[in-house]
Amino acid sequence: MDQVYRGSLTLAFILLDFYIWITGGVISSIIAFVFGIIILFSRILSS
């Protein structure tokens, strides 16, 4: 169950990243990209 929750949370972050990237702002897209990498690394470490 925890794995499913974490997967859907990651998917939500990816969609948020994509939305921010499409809507513009270079700074916000960089922040979103950094967040995405942090999420990805935490997923790899926790698995």
PDB file of N, CA and C in Angstrom:
ATOM      1  N   MET A   1       0.837  -1.211   0.000  1.00  0.00           N
ATOM      2  CA  MET A   1       0.000   0.000   0.000  1.00  0.00           C
ATOM      3  C   MET A   1       0.869   1.258   0.000  1.00  0.00           C
ATOM      4  N   ASP A   2       1.915   1.246   0.795  1.00  0.00           N
ATOM      5  CA  ASP A   2       2.827   2.382   0.882  1.00  0.00           C
ATOM      6  C   ASP A   2       3.492   2.668  -0.461  1.00  0.00           C
ATOM      7  N   GLN A   3       3.811   1.600  -1.191  1.00  0.00           N
ATOM      8  CA  GLN A   3       4.448   1.721  -2.504  1.00  0.00           C
ATOM      9  C   GLN A   3       3.519   2.416  -3.506  1.00  0.00           C
ATOM     10  N   VAL A   4       2.247   2.060  -3.466  1.00  0.00           N
ATOM     11  CA  VAL A   4       1.231   2.665  -4.344  1.00  0.00           C
ATOM     12  C   VAL A   4       1.082   4.149  -4.033  1.00  0.00           C
ATOM     13  N   TYR A   5       1.030   4.486  -2.749  1.00  0.00           N
ATOM     14  CA  TYR A   5       0.908   5.874  -2.301  1.00  0.00           C
ATOM     15  C   TYR A   5       2.103   6.699  -2.771  1.00  0.00           C
ATOM     16  N   ARG A   6       3.289   6.158  -2.592  1.00  0.00           N
ATOM     17  CA  ARG A   6       4.512   6.856  -2.988  1.00  0.00           C
ATOM     18  C   ARG A   6       4.570   7.027  -4.506  1.00  0.00           C
ATOM     19  N   GLY A   7       4.126   6.014  -5.235  1.00  0.00           N
ATOM     20  CA  GLY A   7       4.087   6.081  -6.696  1.00  0.00           C
ATOM     21  C   GLY A   7       3.153   7.163  -7.202  1.00  0.00           C
ATOM     22  N   SER A   8       1.962   7.246  -6.611  1.00  0.00           N
ATOM     23  CA  SER A   8       0.988   8.267  -7.018  1.00  0.00           C
ATOM     24  C   SER A   8       1.466   9.666  -6.630  1.00  0.00           C
ATOM     25  N   LEU A   9       2.163   9.768  -5.500  1.00  0.00           N
ATOM     26  CA  LEU A   9       2.732  11.031  -5.062  1.00  0.00           C
ATOM     27  C   LEU A   9       3.801  11.505  -6.039  1.00  0.00           C
ATOM     28  N   THR A  10       4.648  10.576  -6.487  1.00  0.00           N
ATOM     29  CA  THR A  10       5.679  10.883  -7.472  1.00  0.00           C
ATOM     30  C   THR A  10       5.058  11.320  -8.793  1.00  0.00           C
ATOM     31  N   LEU A  11       4.001  10.637  -9.214  1.00  0.00           N
ATOM     32  CA  LEU A  11       3.292  10.990 -10.436  1.00  0.00           C
ATOM     33  C   LEU A  11       2.714  12.402 -10.347  1.00  0.00           C
ATOM     34  N   ALA A  12       2.159  12.738  -9.193  1.00  0.00           N
ATOM     35  CA  ALA A  12       1.627  14.078  -8.962  1.00  0.00           C
ATOM     36  C   ALA A  12       2.724  15.135  -9.060  1.00  0.00           C
ATOM     37  N   PHE A  13       3.908  14.844  -8.507  1.00  0.00           N
ATOM     38  CA  PHE A  13       5.054  15.749  -8.604  1.00  0.00           C
ATOM     39  C   PHE A  13       5.517  15.930 -10.039  1.00  0.00           C
ATOM     40  N   ILE A  14       5.544  14.834 -10.806  1.00  0.00           N
ATOM     41  CA  ILE A  14       5.929  14.898 -12.222  1.00  0.00           C
ATOM     42  C   ILE A  14       4.946  15.778 -12.999  1.00  0.00           C
ATOM     43  N   LEU A  15       3.657  15.599 -12.766  1.00  0.00           N
ATOM     44  CA  LEU A  15       2.637  16.419 -13.423  1.00  0.00           C
ATOM     45  C   LEU A  15       2.769  17.889 -13.031  1.00  0.00           C
ATOM     46  N   LEU A  16       3.071  18.139 -11.760  1.00  0.00           N
ATOM     47  CA  LEU A  16       3.283  19.499 -11.272  1.00  0.00           C
ATOM     48  C   LEU A  16       4.505  20.130 -11.949  1.00  0.00           C
ATOM     49  N   ASP A  17       5.588  19.366 -12.051  1.00  0.00           N
ATOM     50  CA  ASP A  17       6.794  19.808 -12.758  1.00  0.00           C
ATOM     51  C   ASP A  17       6.466  20.198 -14.190  1.00  0.00           C
ATOM     52  N   PHE A  18       5.728  19.332 -14.865  1.00  0.00           N
ATOM     53  CA  PHE A  18       5.359  19.542 -16.257  1.00  0.00           C
ATOM     54  C   PHE A  18       4.509  20.796 -16.418  1.00  0.00           C
ATOM     55  N   TYR A  19       3.553  20.978 -15.514  1.00  0.00           N
ATOM     56  CA  TYR A  19       2.680  22.152 -15.521  1.00  0.00           C
ATOM     57  C   TYR A  19       3.473  23.441 -15.342  1.00  0.00           C
ATOM     58  N   ILE A  20       4.365  23.456 -14.361  1.00  0.00           N
ATOM     59  CA  ILE A  20       5.215  24.629 -14.111  1.00  0.00           C
ATOM     60  C   ILE A  20       6.106  24.918 -15.320  1.00  0.00           C
ATOM     61  N   TRP A  21       6.673  23.858 -15.893  1.00  0.00           N
ATOM     62  CA  TRP A  21       7.556  23.994 -17.052  1.00  0.00           C
ATOM     63  C   TRP A  21       6.819  24.579 -18.254  1.00  0.00           C
ATOM     64  N   ILE A  22       5.594  24.109 -18.504  1.00  0.00           N
ATOM     65  CA  ILE A  22       4.774  24.608 -19.617  1.00  0.00           C
ATOM     66  C   ILE A  22       4.360  26.070 -19.388  1.00  0.00           C
ATOM     67  N   THR A  23       3.957  26.391 -18.176  1.00  0.00           N
ATOM     68  CA  THR A  23       3.449  27.729 -17.890  1.00  0.00           C
ATOM     69  C   THR A  23       4.547  28.797 -17.843  1.00  0.00           C
ATOM     70  N   GLY A  24       5.802  28.391 -17.932  1.00  0.00           N
ATOM     71  CA  GLY A  24       6.833  29.410 -18.102  1.00  0.00           C
ATOM     72  C   GLY A  24       7.834  29.589 -17.000  1.00  0.00           C
ATOM     73  N   GLY A  25       8.129  30.676 -16.474  1.00  0.00           N
ATOM     74  CA  GLY A  25       9.128  30.918 -15.443  1.00  0.00           C
ATOM     75  C   GLY A  25      10.330  29.987 -15.372  1.00  0.00           C
ATOM     76  N   VAL A  26      11.473  30.480 -15.793  1.00  0.00           N
ATOM     77  CA  VAL A  26      12.712  29.694 -15.780  1.00  0.00           C
ATOM     78  C   VAL A  26      13.073  29.285 -14.353  1.00  0.00           C
ATOM     79  N   ILE A  27      12.984  30.219 -13.423  1.00  0.00           N
ATOM     80  CA  ILE A  27      13.338  29.956 -12.022  1.00  0.00           C
ATOM     81  C   ILE A  27      12.446  28.869 -11.433  1.00  0.00           C
ATOM     82  N   SER A  28      11.159  28.985 -11.641  1.00  0.00           N
ATOM     83  CA  SER A  28      10.218  27.997 -11.105  1.00  0.00           C
ATOM     84  C   SER A  28      10.414  26.622 -11.738  1.00  0.00           C
ATOM     85  N   SER A  29      10.786  26.604 -13.018  1.00  0.00           N
ATOM     86  CA  SER A  29      11.045  25.317 -13.673  1.00  0.00           C
ATOM     87  C   SER A  29      12.323  24.661 -13.141  1.00  0.00           C
ATOM     88  N   ILE A  30      13.333  25.480 -12.834  1.00  0.00           N
ATOM     89  CA  ILE A  30      14.563  24.963 -12.216  1.00  0.00           C
ATOM     90  C   ILE A  30      14.253  24.389 -10.834  1.00  0.00           C
ATOM     91  N   ILE A  31      13.476  25.117 -10.046  1.00  0.00           N
ATOM     92  CA  ILE A  31      13.068  24.650  -8.716  1.00  0.00           C
ATOM     93  C   ILE A  31      12.311  23.332  -8.819  1.00  0.00           C
ATOM     94  N   ALA A  32      11.382  23.268  -9.783  1.00  0.00           N
ATOM     95  CA  ALA A  32      10.607  22.054  -9.999  1.00  0.00           C
ATOM     96  C   ALA A  32      11.501  20.884 -10.408  1.00  0.00           C
ATOM     97  N   PHE A  33      12.493  21.160 -11.257  1.00  0.00           N
ATOM     98  CA  PHE A  33      13.449  20.149 -11.703  1.00  0.00           C
ATOM     99  C   PHE A  33      14.277  19.614 -10.534  1.00  0.00           C
ATOM    100  N   VAL A  34      14.758  20.522  -9.687  1.00  0.00           N
ATOM    101  CA  VAL A  34      15.512  20.138  -8.489  1.00  0.00           C
ATOM    102  C   VAL A  34      14.643  19.284  -7.566  1.00  0.00           C
ATOM    103  N   PHE A  35      13.387  19.707  -7.357  1.00  0.00           N
ATOM    104  CA  PHE A  35      12.448  18.937  -6.554  1.00  0.00           C
ATOM    105  C   PHE A  35      12.247  17.538  -7.114  1.00  0.00           C
ATOM    106  N   GLY A  36      12.097  17.466  -8.425  1.00  0.00           N
ATOM    107  CA  GLY A  36      11.927  16.178  -9.100  1.00  0.00           C
ATOM    108  C   GLY A  36      13.101  15.240  -8.872  1.00  0.00           C
ATOM    109  N   ILE A  37      14.320  15.787  -8.944  1.00  0.00           N
ATOM    110  CA  ILE A  37      15.528  14.993  -8.694  1.00  0.00           C
ATOM    111  C   ILE A  37      15.583  14.526  -7.241  1.00  0.00           C
ATOM    112  N   ILE A  38      15.237  15.413  -6.312  1.00  0.00           N
ATOM    113  CA  ILE A  38      15.210  15.055  -4.886  1.00  0.00           C
ATOM    114  C   ILE A  38      14.215  13.914  -4.638  1.00  0.00           C
ATOM    115  N   ILE A  39      13.032  14.026  -5.224  1.00  0.00           N
ATOM    116  CA  ILE A  39      12.011  12.978  -5.102  1.00  0.00           C
ATOM    117  C   ILE A  39      12.511  11.660  -5.680  1.00  0.00           C
ATOM    118  N   LEU A  40      13.136  11.752  -6.861  1.00  0.00           N
ATOM    119  CA  LEU A  40      13.666  10.565  -7.528  1.00  0.00           C
ATOM    120  C   LEU A  40      14.733   9.884  -6.668  1.00  0.00           C
ATOM    121  N   PHE A  41      15.678  10.665  -6.129  1.00  0.00           N
ATOM    122  CA  PHE A  41      16.719  10.107  -5.278  1.00  0.00           C
ATOM    123  C   PHE A  41      16.156   9.492  -4.000  1.00  0.00           C
ATOM    124  N   SER A  42      15.184  10.148  -3.386  1.00  0.00           N
ATOM    125  CA  SER A  42      14.561   9.604  -2.166  1.00  0.00           C
ATOM    126  C   SER A  42      13.828   8.296  -2.452  1.00  0.00           C
ATOM    127  N   ARG A  43      13.243   8.184  -3.658  1.00  0.00           N
ATOM    128  CA  ARG A  43      12.582   6.933  -4.064  1.00  0.00           C
ATOM    129  C   ARG A  43      13.601   5.819  -4.239  1.00  0.00           C
ATOM    130  N   ILE A  44      14.732   6.124  -4.881  1.00  0.00           N
ATOM    131  CA  ILE A  44      15.785   5.123  -5.095  1.00  0.00           C
ATOM    132  C   ILE A  44      16.367   4.660  -3.759  1.00  0.00           C
ATOM    133  N   LEU A  45      16.607   5.603  -2.869  1.00  0.00           N
ATOM    134  CA  LEU A  45      17.180   5.279  -1.559  1.00  0.00           C
ATOM    135  C   LEU A  45      16.208   4.483  -0.689  1.00  0.00           C
ATOM    136  N   SER A  46      14.909   4.790  -0.783  1.00  0.00           N
ATOM    137  CA  SER A  46      13.918   4.120   0.065  1.00  0.00           C
ATOM    138  C   SER A  46      13.520   2.731  -0.447  1.00  0.00           C
ATOM    139  N   SER A  47      13.764   2.471  -1.726  1.00  0.00           N
ATOM    140  CA  SER A  47      13.379   1.178  -2.305  1.00  0.00           C
ATOM    141  C   SER A  47      14.330   0.052  -1.883  1.00  0.00           C
TER     142      SER A  47
END
